[in-house]
Protein backbone atom coordinates (compact mmCIF):
# COMPACT_ATOMS: atom_id res chain seq x y z
CA MET A 1 107.59 135.54 132.22
CA LYS A 2 108.10 138.63 134.35
CA THR A 3 111.44 139.25 136.04
CA ALA A 4 112.25 141.36 139.08
CA VAL A 5 115.73 142.33 140.22
CA VAL A 6 115.84 142.91 143.96
CA ILE A 7 118.84 144.57 145.59
CA PRO A 8 119.01 143.82 149.34
CA ALA A 9 120.71 146.82 150.96
CA ARG A 10 121.10 146.69 154.72
CA TYR A 11 122.67 149.63 156.45
CA GLY A 12 124.28 147.48 159.14
CA SER A 13 127.51 145.70 158.28
CA MET A 14 130.02 144.29 160.73
CA ARG A 15 133.04 145.13 158.58
CA PHE A 16 131.81 148.36 156.99
CA PRO A 17 128.68 149.92 158.53
CA GLY A 18 126.67 151.96 156.04
CA LYS A 19 128.66 150.67 153.08
CA VAL A 20 125.73 150.78 150.64
CA LEU A 21 125.62 154.55 151.16
CA ALA A 22 129.38 155.03 150.94
CA MET A 23 130.26 157.45 148.14
CA LEU A 24 132.01 156.09 145.06
CA ARG A 25 132.97 158.63 142.41
CA GLY A 26 130.26 160.98 143.66
CA LYS A 27 127.41 158.47 143.94
CA PRO A 28 126.37 156.06 146.71
CA ILE A 29 127.26 152.46 146.02
CA VAL A 30 123.62 151.38 145.98
CA GLN A 31 122.95 153.84 143.15
CA TRP A 32 125.69 152.28 141.03
CA VAL A 33 124.12 148.86 141.59
CA TRP A 34 120.63 150.13 140.76
CA GLU A 35 121.83 151.81 137.55
CA CYS A 36 123.56 148.61 136.42
CA ALA A 37 120.41 146.56 137.05
CA MET A 38 118.26 149.11 135.22
CA LYS A 39 120.32 148.48 132.08
CA SER A 40 119.31 144.81 132.10
CA LYS A 41 116.14 143.41 130.52
CA ALA A 42 114.45 142.87 133.88
CA ASP A 43 110.88 144.16 134.09
CA LEU A 44 111.37 145.68 137.55
CA VAL A 45 114.28 146.78 139.75
CA LEU A 46 113.81 147.57 143.42
CA VAL A 47 115.94 147.99 146.52
CA ALA A 48 114.94 146.12 149.68
CA THR A 49 116.22 147.76 152.85
CA ASP A 50 115.62 147.88 156.57
CA ASP A 51 116.87 151.43 157.07
CA ASP A 52 115.16 154.73 156.42
CA ARG A 53 118.42 156.36 155.33
CA VAL A 54 118.85 153.85 152.51
CA TYR A 55 115.17 154.13 151.56
CA LYS A 56 115.35 157.93 151.28
CA THR A 57 118.60 157.80 149.32
CA VAL A 58 117.12 155.39 146.76
CA GLU A 59 114.02 157.51 146.40
CA SER A 60 116.19 160.63 145.96
CA PHE A 61 117.91 159.29 142.84
CA GLY A 62 114.65 158.04 141.32
CA GLY A 63 114.86 154.40 142.34
CA LYS A 64 112.12 152.23 143.83
CA ALA A 65 112.66 151.04 147.38
CA VAL A 66 110.68 148.92 149.83
CA MET A 67 111.08 148.73 153.58
CA THR A 68 111.54 145.25 155.04
CA SER A 69 111.98 143.77 158.50
CA PRO A 70 115.39 144.21 160.17
CA ASN A 71 115.18 140.68 161.53
CA HIS A 72 115.65 138.57 158.40
CA PRO A 73 118.27 135.82 158.77
CA SER A 74 119.39 136.11 155.13
CA GLY A 75 119.18 138.29 152.06
CA SER A 76 116.85 135.79 150.43
CA ASP A 77 114.33 136.16 153.25
CA ARG A 78 114.47 139.94 152.78
CA ILE A 79 113.89 139.51 149.05
CA MET A 80 110.86 137.27 149.60
CA GLU A 81 109.24 139.94 151.77
CA ALA A 82 110.01 142.57 149.12
CA VAL A 83 108.29 140.64 146.30
CA LYS A 84 105.38 139.11 148.21
CA ASP A 85 102.88 141.46 146.56
CA ILE A 86 104.71 141.79 143.22
CA ASP A 87 103.88 139.84 140.09
CA ALA A 88 107.19 138.23 139.14
CA ASP A 89 107.99 134.69 137.99
CA ILE A 90 111.79 135.05 138.19
CA ILE A 91 113.56 136.93 140.97
CA ILE A 92 117.19 137.99 140.68
CA ASN A 93 119.12 138.83 143.85
CA VAL A 94 121.85 141.39 143.13
CA GLN A 95 123.90 142.37 146.17
CA GLY A 96 123.82 146.01 147.19
CA ASP A 97 127.62 146.18 147.43
CA GLU A 98 128.31 145.18 143.79
CA PRO A 99 128.77 148.56 142.03
CA SER A 100 130.29 147.04 138.90
CA MET A 101 127.67 144.38 138.21
CA PRO A 102 127.46 143.98 134.39
CA PRO A 103 123.86 144.10 133.08
CA GLU A 104 124.73 141.35 130.59
CA LEU A 105 125.27 138.96 133.48
CA ILE A 106 121.78 139.64 134.80
CA ASP A 107 120.43 139.02 131.30
CA ARG A 108 122.23 135.67 131.09
CA LEU A 109 120.62 134.60 134.36
CA ILE A 110 117.21 135.68 133.09
CA ASP A 111 117.75 133.57 129.96
CA LEU A 112 118.87 130.59 132.07
CA MET A 113 115.77 130.78 134.24
CA SER A 114 113.39 131.25 131.31
CA GLY A 115 114.20 128.05 129.41
CA ALA A 116 112.09 124.93 129.24
CA ASP A 117 114.50 123.05 131.53
CA ALA A 118 115.04 125.98 133.90
CA PRO A 119 116.61 125.09 137.28
CA ASP A 120 115.33 125.98 140.75
CA MET A 121 118.12 128.50 141.14
CA GLY A 122 120.93 129.99 139.12
CA THR A 123 124.17 131.67 140.17
CA VAL A 124 127.51 132.85 138.81
CA ILE A 125 131.02 131.41 139.06
CA VAL A 126 134.36 132.94 138.11
CA PRO A 127 137.48 130.93 137.21
CA CYS A 128 140.42 131.97 139.36
CA LYS A 129 143.90 131.00 140.48
CA ARG A 130 144.09 128.76 143.51
CA GLU A 131 146.67 130.97 145.19
CA ASP A 132 144.46 134.04 144.83
CA VAL A 133 141.57 132.64 146.89
CA ALA A 134 142.97 129.82 149.00
CA ASP A 135 143.50 131.90 152.13
CA ASN A 136 140.54 134.25 151.73
CA PRO A 137 137.34 133.06 153.45
CA ASN A 138 135.52 136.12 152.07
CA LYS A 139 135.79 134.64 148.57
CA PRO A 140 133.69 131.45 148.69
CA LYS A 141 134.76 128.64 146.44
CA VAL A 142 132.51 126.23 144.53
CA VAL A 143 132.84 122.86 142.84
CA ILE A 144 130.48 121.94 140.03
CA SER A 145 129.23 118.83 138.27
CA ALA A 146 129.98 117.98 134.66
CA ASP A 147 126.68 119.57 133.63
CA GLY A 148 127.32 122.80 135.52
CA TYR A 149 125.33 122.30 138.72
CA ALA A 150 126.85 123.34 142.04
CA LEU A 151 127.98 120.43 144.20
CA TYR A 152 129.28 122.39 147.19
CA PHE A 153 130.25 125.89 148.29
CA SER A 154 132.86 126.58 150.93
CA ARG A 155 134.91 129.34 152.48
CA ALA A 156 137.75 126.82 152.56
CA MET A 157 139.79 125.88 149.51
CA ILE A 158 137.90 123.35 147.40
CA PRO A 159 138.75 121.16 145.65
CA PHE A 160 141.76 120.41 147.84
CA LEU A 161 144.86 119.62 145.82
CA ARG A 162 146.58 116.73 147.51
CA GLU A 163 150.28 116.10 146.96
CA GLY A 164 150.52 114.02 143.81
CA GLY A 165 146.98 114.95 142.79
CA THR A 166 145.94 116.43 139.47
CA GLU A 167 145.17 120.13 139.38
CA MET A 168 141.78 121.14 138.05
CA LYS A 169 139.89 124.34 137.34
CA VAL A 170 139.14 126.45 140.42
CA TYR A 171 136.08 128.67 140.72
CA ARG A 172 135.05 131.35 143.15
CA HIS A 173 131.38 132.04 143.72
CA TRP A 174 129.93 135.40 142.77
CA GLY A 175 126.90 135.85 145.02
CA ILE A 176 124.24 136.86 142.53
CA TYR A 177 121.25 134.50 142.61
CA ALA A 178 118.28 133.82 140.37
CA TYR A 179 115.20 132.02 141.68
CA GLN A 180 112.04 130.61 140.27
CA ARG A 181 109.39 132.18 142.48
CA ALA A 182 108.27 128.79 143.83
CA ALA A 183 111.88 127.90 144.63
CA LEU A 184 112.38 131.15 146.56
CA GLU A 185 109.18 130.53 148.50
CA ARG A 186 110.37 127.04 149.38
CA PHE A 187 113.86 128.23 150.26
CA VAL A 188 112.72 130.79 152.83
CA SER A 189 110.30 128.27 154.37
CA LEU A 190 113.19 125.92 155.17
CA PRO A 191 114.97 126.10 158.53
CA GLU A 192 118.59 127.20 158.58
CA GLY A 193 120.65 124.15 157.69
CA ASN A 194 123.60 122.69 159.56
CA LEU A 195 125.98 123.35 156.69
CA GLU A 196 124.70 126.92 156.46
CA LYS A 197 125.24 127.42 160.18
CA CYS A 198 128.76 126.05 159.89
CA GLU A 199 130.03 127.94 156.84
CA LYS A 200 127.68 130.94 157.07
CA LEU A 201 126.72 130.54 153.41
CA GLU A 202 122.97 130.59 152.82
CA GLN A 203 123.19 128.76 149.46
CA LEU A 204 124.12 125.63 151.39
CA ARG A 205 120.57 125.59 152.76
CA ALA A 206 119.36 124.95 149.23
CA LEU A 207 121.86 122.15 148.50
CA GLU A 208 121.25 120.51 151.87
CA ASN A 209 117.55 120.27 151.00
CA GLY A 210 117.95 118.86 147.50
CA MET A 211 117.46 122.05 145.52
CA ARG A 212 119.56 122.33 142.36
CA ILE A 213 121.64 125.40 141.56
CA LYS A 214 122.80 125.79 137.96
CA THR A 215 125.90 127.90 137.42
CA ILE A 216 126.94 130.16 134.59
CA GLU A 217 130.58 131.02 134.12
CA THR A 218 131.99 134.46 133.48
CA THR A 219 135.52 135.78 133.23
CA TYR A 220 134.34 139.23 134.29
CA ASP A 221 135.82 139.93 137.70
CA GLY A 222 134.18 142.94 139.31
CA VAL A 223 134.60 144.39 142.77
CA ASP A 224 132.38 143.96 145.81
CA VAL A 225 132.76 146.47 148.60
CA ASN A 226 133.01 144.72 151.96
CA THR A 227 135.59 146.96 153.62
CA PRO A 228 136.90 150.53 153.35
CA GLU A 229 139.92 149.05 151.59
CA ASP A 230 137.62 147.54 148.94
CA LEU A 231 136.12 151.00 148.42
CA GLU A 232 139.58 152.37 147.71
CA GLU A 233 140.12 149.62 145.13
CA ALA A 234 136.75 150.41 143.55
CA GLU A 235 137.73 154.08 143.30
CA LYS A 236 140.88 153.11 141.41
CA LEU A 237 138.99 150.68 139.15
CA PHE A 238 136.26 153.18 138.26
CA ALA A 239 138.75 156.00 137.75
CA GLY A 240 140.69 153.79 135.35
CA LYS A 241 137.51 153.20 133.36
CA GLY A 242 136.69 156.91 133.30
CA LEU A 243 133.52 156.45 135.35
């Protein structure tokens, strides 16, 4: 089975315009993401963008980029356009603002999606402390079934710990997705769901339409750059690692 990693990299961002081109330790963020993905066992890595500045930057460091429409409602729609003429059975969506994405995590998703009982979709969850994410809507939370399938994602704190209730493991969602090609094609053909419109989380479109999302757990806690403050934290993290 052939695997393609696609990195959606829009220039526009409400909180941090042009963040994928922001410099981190001398390289644009999108280059860090591309280099991480290139270390995985994926057959192809490409950047999907709607901006000529991003396209030219990717080409300048030797990456492969494709131009896509600026009007896509979600990253998954952008990815589908990017791979429409590419021979790939498994598509991995790695966000363009994840400069510390470990290649091993991409490989684990590829393995998950290549098995005989492979799910429609795969994604990543990270165990965390309730107090660290409860008041942060930018860190979506997820609850899972006993066999590791996602039951619900929310920007609110789930599961809610009621007074007198029993505490349980809390997970935040790390927004890297793996799709079977047929599942991605179906996903982008579906209208935006009511839950998706409410929470502004596209993965809820899949759950609302009966698609199953298998999760893999990791204790690796990287950094995603959503704000200038996040970029400062990334600088500190990378400097500490000697990168």
